N, C-alpha and C. Protein backbone atom coordinates (compact mmCIF):
# COMPACT_ATOMS: atom_id res chain seq x y z
N LYS A 1 180.17 -64.72 -148.83
CA LYS A 1 180.82 -66.02 -148.72
C LYS A 1 181.80 -66.29 -149.87
N PRO A 2 181.40 -66.09 -151.12
CA PRO A 2 182.34 -66.36 -152.21
C PRO A 2 183.59 -65.49 -152.11
N LEU A 3 183.43 -64.22 -151.70
CA LEU A 3 184.57 -63.33 -151.58
C LEU A 3 185.52 -63.84 -150.48
N PHE A 4 184.96 -64.25 -149.35
CA PHE A 4 185.78 -64.79 -148.27
C PHE A 4 186.55 -66.00 -148.74
N LYS A 5 185.86 -66.88 -149.45
CA LYS A 5 186.50 -68.10 -149.93
C LYS A 5 187.63 -67.77 -150.89
N MET A 6 187.39 -66.82 -151.78
CA MET A 6 188.40 -66.44 -152.75
C MET A 6 189.63 -65.84 -152.04
N ILE A 7 189.39 -64.92 -151.10
CA ILE A 7 190.49 -64.30 -150.36
C ILE A 7 191.23 -65.35 -149.55
N PHE A 8 190.49 -66.19 -148.88
CA PHE A 8 191.09 -67.23 -148.04
C PHE A 8 191.98 -68.15 -148.86
N ASN A 9 191.42 -68.71 -149.94
CA ASN A 9 192.17 -69.67 -150.75
C ASN A 9 193.36 -69.02 -151.46
N SER A 10 193.18 -67.81 -151.95
CA SER A 10 194.27 -67.11 -152.61
C SER A 10 195.40 -66.83 -151.62
N SER A 11 195.04 -66.36 -150.45
CA SER A 11 196.04 -66.07 -149.41
C SER A 11 196.74 -67.34 -148.95
N LEU A 12 195.98 -68.40 -148.82
CA LEU A 12 196.55 -69.68 -148.38
C LEU A 12 197.60 -70.16 -149.38
N LEU A 13 197.29 -70.04 -150.65
CA LEU A 13 198.23 -70.45 -151.69
C LEU A 13 199.46 -69.56 -151.74
N GLN A 14 199.27 -68.27 -151.50
CA GLN A 14 200.38 -67.33 -151.60
C GLN A 14 201.35 -67.41 -150.43
N GLY A 15 200.82 -67.54 -149.23
CA GLY A 15 201.73 -67.47 -148.08
C GLY A 15 201.30 -68.26 -146.88
N GLY A 16 200.36 -69.15 -147.07
CA GLY A 16 199.93 -70.00 -145.96
C GLY A 16 199.00 -69.29 -144.99
N ILE A 17 198.81 -69.89 -143.85
CA ILE A 17 197.83 -69.39 -142.88
C ILE A 17 198.22 -68.01 -142.36
N GLU A 18 199.51 -67.71 -142.28
CA GLU A 18 199.94 -66.38 -141.83
C GLU A 18 199.47 -65.30 -142.81
N GLU A 19 199.50 -65.61 -144.09
CA GLU A 19 199.01 -64.67 -145.10
C GLU A 19 197.50 -64.50 -144.97
N VAL A 20 196.79 -65.59 -144.69
CA VAL A 20 195.34 -65.51 -144.49
C VAL A 20 195.04 -64.60 -143.29
N LYS A 21 195.76 -64.82 -142.20
CA LYS A 21 195.55 -63.99 -141.00
C LYS A 21 195.76 -62.52 -141.30
N THR A 22 196.78 -62.21 -142.10
CA THR A 22 197.08 -60.82 -142.46
C THR A 22 195.90 -60.19 -143.21
N HIS A 23 195.32 -60.94 -144.14
CA HIS A 23 194.20 -60.41 -144.92
C HIS A 23 192.94 -60.17 -144.09
N PHE A 24 192.80 -60.91 -143.01
CA PHE A 24 191.59 -60.79 -142.20
C PHE A 24 191.81 -60.00 -140.90
N GLU A 25 192.98 -59.38 -140.76
CA GLU A 25 193.30 -58.62 -139.55
C GLU A 25 192.30 -57.53 -139.23
N GLY A 26 191.84 -56.79 -140.20
CA GLY A 26 190.96 -55.66 -139.96
C GLY A 26 189.51 -56.03 -139.73
N PHE A 27 189.17 -57.28 -139.91
CA PHE A 27 187.77 -57.71 -139.77
C PHE A 27 187.44 -58.00 -138.31
N ASP A 28 186.19 -57.74 -137.95
CA ASP A 28 185.71 -58.10 -136.61
C ASP A 28 185.27 -59.56 -136.67
N LEU A 29 186.19 -60.45 -136.33
CA LEU A 29 185.90 -61.89 -136.46
C LEU A 29 185.02 -62.42 -135.33
N SER A 30 184.61 -61.55 -134.41
CA SER A 30 183.62 -61.99 -133.43
C SER A 30 182.21 -61.89 -134.01
N ASP A 31 182.09 -61.23 -135.15
CA ASP A 31 180.81 -61.11 -135.85
C ASP A 31 180.52 -62.44 -136.55
N PRO A 32 179.46 -63.14 -136.13
CA PRO A 32 179.15 -64.45 -136.71
C PRO A 32 178.99 -64.44 -138.23
N SER A 33 178.51 -63.32 -138.79
CA SER A 33 178.33 -63.28 -140.24
C SER A 33 179.67 -63.27 -140.97
N LEU A 34 180.75 -62.88 -140.29
CA LEU A 34 182.08 -62.92 -140.88
C LEU A 34 182.83 -64.19 -140.50
N LEU A 35 182.62 -64.63 -139.28
CA LEU A 35 183.34 -65.80 -138.78
C LEU A 35 182.87 -67.09 -139.46
N ALA A 36 181.58 -67.21 -139.71
CA ALA A 36 181.05 -68.45 -140.30
C ALA A 36 181.67 -68.78 -141.65
N PRO A 37 181.72 -67.83 -142.60
CA PRO A 37 182.34 -68.18 -143.88
C PRO A 37 183.85 -68.44 -143.75
N LEU A 38 184.50 -67.75 -142.84
CA LEU A 38 185.92 -67.99 -142.61
C LEU A 38 186.13 -69.40 -142.08
N SER A 39 185.33 -69.77 -141.09
CA SER A 39 185.41 -71.11 -140.50
C SER A 39 185.17 -72.21 -141.52
N ALA A 40 184.26 -71.95 -142.44
CA ALA A 40 183.93 -72.95 -143.45
C ALA A 40 185.14 -73.29 -144.32
N ASN A 41 186.12 -72.40 -144.35
CA ASN A 41 187.30 -72.63 -145.18
C ASN A 41 188.49 -73.16 -144.40
N PHE A 42 188.36 -73.28 -143.10
CA PHE A 42 189.49 -73.77 -142.30
C PHE A 42 189.93 -75.18 -142.71
N SER A 43 189.00 -76.00 -143.12
CA SER A 43 189.38 -77.37 -143.50
C SER A 43 190.38 -77.38 -144.65
N ALA A 44 190.32 -76.37 -145.53
CA ALA A 44 191.28 -76.29 -146.63
C ALA A 44 192.70 -76.09 -146.10
N ALA A 45 192.83 -75.33 -145.04
CA ALA A 45 194.15 -75.07 -144.46
C ALA A 45 194.65 -76.24 -143.62
N MET A 46 193.76 -77.12 -143.20
CA MET A 46 194.17 -78.25 -142.36
C MET A 46 195.09 -79.20 -143.12
N GLY A 47 194.96 -79.25 -144.43
CA GLY A 47 195.81 -80.14 -145.22
C GLY A 47 197.25 -79.70 -145.27
N SER A 48 197.49 -78.40 -145.20
CA SER A 48 198.86 -77.90 -145.33
C SER A 48 199.46 -77.39 -144.03
N GLU A 49 198.64 -76.79 -143.19
CA GLU A 49 199.15 -76.19 -141.95
C GLU A 49 198.19 -76.43 -140.78
N PRO A 50 198.03 -77.67 -140.38
CA PRO A 50 197.03 -77.95 -139.36
C PRO A 50 197.30 -77.28 -138.01
N GLU A 51 198.54 -77.29 -137.56
CA GLU A 51 198.83 -76.69 -136.25
C GLU A 51 198.55 -75.20 -136.24
N ALA A 52 199.04 -74.49 -137.24
CA ALA A 52 198.83 -73.04 -137.31
C ALA A 52 197.34 -72.71 -137.46
N THR A 53 196.63 -73.53 -138.21
CA THR A 53 195.19 -73.31 -138.40
C THR A 53 194.45 -73.49 -137.08
N LEU A 54 194.77 -74.57 -136.37
CA LEU A 54 194.11 -74.81 -135.08
C LEU A 54 194.44 -73.73 -134.07
N GLU A 55 195.67 -73.29 -134.04
CA GLU A 55 196.04 -72.24 -133.09
C GLU A 55 195.29 -70.94 -133.38
N TRP A 56 195.15 -70.59 -134.66
CA TRP A 56 194.40 -69.39 -135.02
C TRP A 56 192.93 -69.57 -134.66
N ALA A 57 192.38 -70.74 -134.95
CA ALA A 57 190.98 -70.99 -134.61
C ALA A 57 190.75 -70.87 -133.10
N MET A 58 191.69 -71.36 -132.30
CA MET A 58 191.57 -71.24 -130.84
C MET A 58 191.59 -69.77 -130.42
N GLU A 59 192.31 -68.93 -131.14
CA GLU A 59 192.38 -67.50 -130.82
C GLU A 59 191.07 -66.77 -131.15
N ILE A 60 190.48 -67.10 -132.28
CA ILE A 60 189.34 -66.30 -132.74
C ILE A 60 187.98 -66.87 -132.33
N TYR A 61 187.92 -68.13 -131.95
CA TYR A 61 186.64 -68.71 -131.55
C TYR A 61 186.37 -68.43 -130.08
N ASP A 62 185.10 -68.16 -129.78
CA ASP A 62 184.73 -68.09 -128.37
C ASP A 62 184.62 -69.52 -127.84
N ILE A 63 184.40 -69.66 -126.56
CA ILE A 63 184.38 -70.98 -125.92
C ILE A 63 183.36 -71.91 -126.57
N GLU A 64 182.19 -71.39 -126.87
CA GLU A 64 181.13 -72.23 -127.47
C GLU A 64 181.56 -72.76 -128.84
N LEU A 65 182.11 -71.89 -129.66
CA LEU A 65 182.56 -72.33 -130.99
C LEU A 65 183.77 -73.26 -130.89
N GLN A 66 184.64 -73.01 -129.92
CA GLN A 66 185.79 -73.90 -129.75
C GLN A 66 185.32 -75.32 -129.53
N SER A 67 184.33 -75.51 -128.66
CA SER A 67 183.90 -76.87 -128.31
C SER A 67 183.19 -77.59 -129.44
N SER A 68 182.73 -76.85 -130.45
CA SER A 68 182.09 -77.51 -131.59
C SER A 68 183.00 -77.58 -132.81
N GLU A 69 183.78 -76.54 -133.06
CA GLU A 69 184.59 -76.47 -134.28
C GLU A 69 185.97 -77.12 -134.15
N ILE A 70 186.64 -76.94 -133.04
CA ILE A 70 187.99 -77.49 -132.87
C ILE A 70 187.98 -79.02 -133.00
N PRO A 71 187.03 -79.73 -132.37
CA PRO A 71 187.00 -81.18 -132.57
C PRO A 71 186.87 -81.60 -134.03
N ASN A 72 186.09 -80.85 -134.80
CA ASN A 72 185.94 -81.19 -136.22
C ASN A 72 187.24 -80.98 -136.99
N LEU A 73 187.96 -79.93 -136.67
CA LEU A 73 189.24 -79.68 -137.33
C LEU A 73 190.25 -80.76 -136.96
N ILE A 74 190.27 -81.16 -135.71
CA ILE A 74 191.19 -82.22 -135.27
C ILE A 74 190.83 -83.55 -135.95
N SER A 75 189.55 -83.82 -136.08
CA SER A 75 189.11 -85.04 -136.76
C SER A 75 189.58 -85.04 -138.21
N SER A 76 189.47 -83.88 -138.86
CA SER A 76 189.93 -83.76 -140.24
C SER A 76 191.43 -84.05 -140.33
N TRP A 77 192.19 -83.53 -139.41
CA TRP A 77 193.63 -83.75 -139.37
C TRP A 77 193.93 -85.22 -139.08
N ALA A 78 193.20 -85.81 -138.14
CA ALA A 78 193.43 -87.20 -137.75
C ALA A 78 193.21 -88.17 -138.91
N ARG A 79 192.30 -87.85 -139.80
CA ARG A 79 192.08 -88.71 -140.96
C ARG A 79 193.32 -88.77 -141.86
N ASN A 80 194.13 -87.72 -141.83
CA ASN A 80 195.34 -87.66 -142.64
C ASN A 80 196.60 -88.08 -141.87
N ASP A 81 196.67 -87.71 -140.60
CA ASP A 81 197.86 -87.99 -139.80
C ASP A 81 197.47 -88.03 -138.33
N TYR A 82 196.95 -89.17 -137.89
CA TYR A 82 196.43 -89.21 -136.53
C TYR A 82 197.52 -89.14 -135.47
N ASN A 83 198.74 -89.51 -135.81
CA ASN A 83 199.82 -89.38 -134.83
C ASN A 83 200.13 -87.91 -134.54
N ALA A 84 200.24 -87.10 -135.58
CA ALA A 84 200.51 -85.67 -135.39
C ALA A 84 199.32 -84.98 -134.71
N ALA A 85 198.11 -85.33 -135.11
CA ALA A 85 196.93 -84.74 -134.49
C ALA A 85 196.87 -85.11 -133.01
N GLY A 86 197.18 -86.35 -132.71
CA GLY A 86 197.19 -86.79 -131.31
C GLY A 86 198.24 -86.08 -130.48
N LYS A 87 199.40 -85.84 -131.07
CA LYS A 87 200.45 -85.11 -130.36
C LYS A 87 199.98 -83.70 -130.00
N TRP A 88 199.36 -83.02 -130.97
CA TRP A 88 198.86 -81.66 -130.73
C TRP A 88 197.75 -81.70 -129.68
N LEU A 89 196.88 -82.66 -129.80
CA LEU A 89 195.76 -82.81 -128.86
C LEU A 89 196.28 -83.06 -127.44
N GLY A 90 197.33 -83.86 -127.33
CA GLY A 90 197.90 -84.14 -126.02
C GLY A 90 198.48 -82.92 -125.33
N GLU A 91 198.83 -81.90 -126.11
CA GLU A 91 199.40 -80.68 -125.55
C GLU A 91 198.35 -79.63 -125.21
N MET A 92 197.10 -79.88 -125.57
CA MET A 92 196.02 -78.94 -125.23
C MET A 92 195.82 -78.89 -123.73
N GLU A 93 195.44 -77.71 -123.25
CA GLU A 93 195.10 -77.58 -121.84
C GLU A 93 193.79 -78.30 -121.58
N SER A 94 193.66 -78.83 -120.38
CA SER A 94 192.44 -79.53 -120.00
C SER A 94 191.25 -78.56 -120.06
N SER A 95 190.21 -78.98 -120.76
CA SER A 95 189.02 -78.14 -120.92
C SER A 95 187.91 -78.98 -121.52
N PHE A 96 186.73 -78.41 -121.58
CA PHE A 96 185.62 -79.08 -122.24
C PHE A 96 185.93 -79.27 -123.73
N THR A 97 186.59 -78.28 -124.34
CA THR A 97 186.97 -78.39 -125.75
C THR A 97 187.92 -79.56 -125.95
N LYS A 98 188.86 -79.74 -125.03
CA LYS A 98 189.78 -80.87 -125.15
C LYS A 98 189.02 -82.19 -125.02
N ASP A 99 188.11 -82.27 -124.05
CA ASP A 99 187.31 -83.50 -123.89
C ASP A 99 186.53 -83.82 -125.17
N ARG A 100 185.88 -82.80 -125.74
CA ARG A 100 185.11 -83.02 -126.98
C ARG A 100 186.04 -83.40 -128.12
N SER A 101 187.23 -82.79 -128.16
CA SER A 101 188.19 -83.08 -129.21
C SER A 101 188.70 -84.51 -129.10
N ILE A 102 188.97 -84.97 -127.88
CA ILE A 102 189.40 -86.35 -127.69
C ILE A 102 188.29 -87.30 -128.11
N GLU A 103 187.05 -86.97 -127.75
CA GLU A 103 185.91 -87.82 -128.12
C GLU A 103 185.83 -87.98 -129.64
N VAL A 104 185.93 -86.90 -130.37
CA VAL A 104 185.83 -86.94 -131.83
C VAL A 104 187.07 -87.60 -132.43
N PHE A 105 188.24 -87.29 -131.88
CA PHE A 105 189.49 -87.91 -132.32
C PHE A 105 189.41 -89.43 -132.14
N SER A 106 188.95 -89.87 -130.99
CA SER A 106 188.83 -91.30 -130.70
C SER A 106 187.90 -91.98 -131.70
N ARG A 107 186.78 -91.34 -131.99
CA ARG A 107 185.82 -91.90 -132.95
C ARG A 107 186.46 -92.01 -134.34
N THR A 108 187.30 -91.05 -134.68
CA THR A 108 187.96 -91.02 -135.99
C THR A 108 189.00 -92.13 -136.11
N VAL A 109 189.79 -92.35 -135.06
CA VAL A 109 190.88 -93.32 -135.15
C VAL A 109 190.48 -94.74 -134.78
N ALA A 110 189.35 -94.92 -134.12
CA ALA A 110 188.93 -96.25 -133.65
C ALA A 110 188.90 -97.32 -134.73
N PRO A 111 188.47 -97.04 -135.95
CA PRO A 111 188.47 -98.10 -136.96
C PRO A 111 189.86 -98.65 -137.29
N VAL A 112 190.90 -97.82 -137.17
CA VAL A 112 192.26 -98.29 -137.48
C VAL A 112 193.07 -98.61 -136.22
N ASP A 113 192.74 -97.99 -135.11
CA ASP A 113 193.48 -98.21 -133.86
C ASP A 113 192.52 -98.16 -132.67
N PRO A 114 191.70 -99.20 -132.50
CA PRO A 114 190.73 -99.16 -131.42
C PRO A 114 191.37 -99.14 -130.02
N GLU A 115 192.51 -99.78 -129.87
CA GLU A 115 193.19 -99.73 -128.57
C GLU A 115 193.63 -98.30 -128.26
N GLY A 116 194.22 -97.64 -129.24
CA GLY A 116 194.62 -96.24 -129.06
C GLY A 116 193.41 -95.35 -128.77
N ALA A 117 192.31 -95.61 -129.46
CA ALA A 117 191.09 -94.84 -129.23
C ALA A 117 190.60 -95.02 -127.79
N ALA A 118 190.69 -96.24 -127.28
CA ALA A 118 190.28 -96.49 -125.89
C ALA A 118 191.19 -95.76 -124.91
N ILE A 119 192.47 -95.80 -125.16
CA ILE A 119 193.43 -95.12 -124.28
C ILE A 119 193.16 -93.61 -124.28
N TRP A 120 192.92 -93.05 -125.45
CA TRP A 120 192.58 -91.63 -125.51
C TRP A 120 191.28 -91.35 -124.78
N SER A 121 190.27 -92.16 -125.01
CA SER A 121 188.96 -91.93 -124.39
C SER A 121 189.05 -91.96 -122.87
N ALA A 122 189.91 -92.80 -122.34
CA ALA A 122 190.06 -92.90 -120.89
C ALA A 122 190.63 -91.61 -120.28
N GLN A 123 191.21 -90.75 -121.10
CA GLN A 123 191.80 -89.50 -120.62
C GLN A 123 190.80 -88.34 -120.52
N ILE A 124 189.60 -88.56 -120.99
CA ILE A 124 188.58 -87.50 -120.96
C ILE A 124 188.17 -87.22 -119.52
N SER A 125 188.14 -85.94 -119.16
CA SER A 125 187.81 -85.54 -117.79
C SER A 125 186.32 -85.69 -117.47
N ASP A 126 185.48 -85.27 -118.39
CA ASP A 126 184.03 -85.32 -118.16
C ASP A 126 183.58 -86.78 -118.12
N PRO A 127 183.00 -87.24 -117.00
CA PRO A 127 182.66 -88.66 -116.86
C PRO A 127 181.64 -89.18 -117.87
N VAL A 128 180.68 -88.38 -118.25
CA VAL A 128 179.67 -88.82 -119.22
C VAL A 128 180.29 -88.96 -120.61
N ILE A 129 181.04 -87.95 -121.03
CA ILE A 129 181.69 -88.02 -122.34
C ILE A 129 182.69 -89.17 -122.36
N ARG A 130 183.44 -89.33 -121.25
CA ARG A 130 184.44 -90.41 -121.18
C ARG A 130 183.78 -91.77 -121.34
N LYS A 131 182.71 -92.01 -120.61
CA LYS A 131 182.06 -93.32 -120.68
C LYS A 131 181.49 -93.60 -122.06
N ASN A 132 180.86 -92.60 -122.68
CA ASN A 132 180.30 -92.79 -124.02
C ASN A 132 181.40 -93.05 -125.05
N SER A 133 182.46 -92.25 -124.99
CA SER A 133 183.55 -92.40 -125.94
C SER A 133 184.26 -93.74 -125.75
N LEU A 134 184.51 -94.08 -124.51
CA LEU A 134 185.18 -95.34 -124.21
C LEU A 134 184.32 -96.53 -124.62
N SER A 135 183.04 -96.44 -124.43
CA SER A 135 182.14 -97.54 -124.84
C SER A 135 182.21 -97.78 -126.34
N ARG A 136 182.24 -96.68 -127.11
CA ARG A 136 182.35 -96.83 -128.58
C ARG A 136 183.68 -97.45 -128.97
N ALA A 137 184.77 -96.97 -128.35
CA ALA A 137 186.10 -97.48 -128.70
C ALA A 137 186.23 -98.96 -128.33
N ILE A 138 185.73 -99.33 -127.15
CA ILE A 138 185.81 -100.72 -126.70
C ILE A 138 184.98 -101.62 -127.61
N ALA A 139 183.83 -101.15 -128.04
CA ALA A 139 182.98 -101.95 -128.95
C ALA A 139 183.76 -102.27 -130.23
N GLN A 140 184.48 -101.28 -130.75
CA GLN A 140 185.25 -101.53 -131.98
C GLN A 140 186.45 -102.42 -131.69
N TRP A 141 187.07 -102.22 -130.55
CA TRP A 141 188.23 -103.04 -130.18
C TRP A 141 187.80 -104.50 -130.02
N ARG A 142 186.65 -104.71 -129.39
CA ARG A 142 186.16 -106.08 -129.19
C ARG A 142 185.90 -106.79 -130.51
N GLN A 143 185.54 -106.05 -131.54
CA GLN A 143 185.35 -106.66 -132.85
C GLN A 143 186.66 -107.21 -133.40
N LYS A 144 187.76 -106.58 -133.05
CA LYS A 144 189.07 -107.01 -133.54
C LYS A 144 189.75 -107.99 -132.58
N ASP A 145 189.62 -107.73 -131.28
CA ASP A 145 190.30 -108.56 -130.29
C ASP A 145 189.59 -108.45 -128.95
N ARG A 146 188.54 -109.26 -128.81
CA ARG A 146 187.70 -109.21 -127.61
C ARG A 146 188.51 -109.45 -126.33
N ALA A 147 189.39 -110.43 -126.34
CA ALA A 147 190.15 -110.76 -125.14
C ALA A 147 191.04 -109.59 -124.70
N ALA A 148 191.72 -108.96 -125.64
CA ALA A 148 192.60 -107.83 -125.30
C ALA A 148 191.79 -106.65 -124.77
N ALA A 149 190.66 -106.37 -125.38
CA ALA A 149 189.81 -105.26 -124.93
C ALA A 149 189.31 -105.52 -123.51
N ASN A 150 188.84 -106.73 -123.26
CA ASN A 150 188.34 -107.07 -121.92
C ASN A 150 189.45 -107.05 -120.88
N ALA A 151 190.64 -107.52 -121.27
CA ALA A 151 191.78 -107.50 -120.34
C ALA A 151 192.15 -106.05 -120.00
N TRP A 152 192.14 -105.17 -120.99
CA TRP A 152 192.47 -103.77 -120.75
C TRP A 152 191.44 -103.14 -119.81
N LEU A 153 190.17 -103.45 -120.02
CA LEU A 153 189.11 -102.93 -119.14
C LEU A 153 189.34 -103.38 -117.69
N THR A 154 189.66 -104.65 -117.52
CA THR A 154 189.91 -105.18 -116.18
C THR A 154 191.13 -104.52 -115.56
N GLU A 155 192.18 -104.42 -116.34
CA GLU A 155 193.44 -103.83 -115.86
C GLU A 155 193.28 -102.37 -115.45
N THR A 156 192.53 -101.60 -116.22
CA THR A 156 192.38 -100.17 -115.95
C THR A 156 191.22 -99.85 -115.02
N GLY A 157 190.30 -100.79 -114.86
CA GLY A 157 189.13 -100.54 -114.04
C GLY A 157 188.15 -99.59 -114.69
N SER A 158 188.28 -99.40 -116.00
CA SER A 158 187.38 -98.51 -116.74
C SER A 158 186.01 -99.12 -116.89
N GLU A 159 185.01 -98.26 -116.91
CA GLU A 159 183.63 -98.72 -117.07
C GLU A 159 183.09 -98.32 -118.43
N VAL A 160 182.36 -99.23 -119.05
CA VAL A 160 181.71 -98.95 -120.33
C VAL A 160 180.28 -99.43 -120.28
N ASP A 161 179.47 -98.88 -121.17
CA ASP A 161 178.11 -99.37 -121.33
C ASP A 161 178.18 -100.64 -122.16
N GLU A 162 177.63 -101.69 -121.65
CA GLU A 162 177.63 -102.98 -122.37
C GLU A 162 176.48 -103.00 -123.37
N PRO A 163 176.74 -103.55 -124.57
CA PRO A 163 175.68 -103.61 -125.59
C PRO A 163 174.59 -104.59 -125.21
């Protein structure tokens, strides 16, 4: 782990995520013992090159890891620049990973933009994830502007779990 971190951080400083990729080209990144320490350092790259980092993560992660790790990386990005993270998220292909990413993104942005979080949550394909995510976003929106949140629910016909 320390060696991976040292190589990762040194490469990131020298030439960005492309340099990191070059250093890890010969490794079998499907091996969990190698992928785990590499993944642990992805958040460092999210500050400087979030798009390139996410694209590389999508390449090397299997479907299971994508659905757990990609949402966390997007959440990290959203805390710094939720507009850019949302733009990238909007371009993702429809998938379970996208649904999970929207759910986590919505939870991240809801304190500052609950209306936006509700709009994002309504785009989730999976009905269970959509309802849970939308319920959280609406609860936060109602704290700021109950009338607007209720009007949006009526207008869109969206369903939420009532507290």
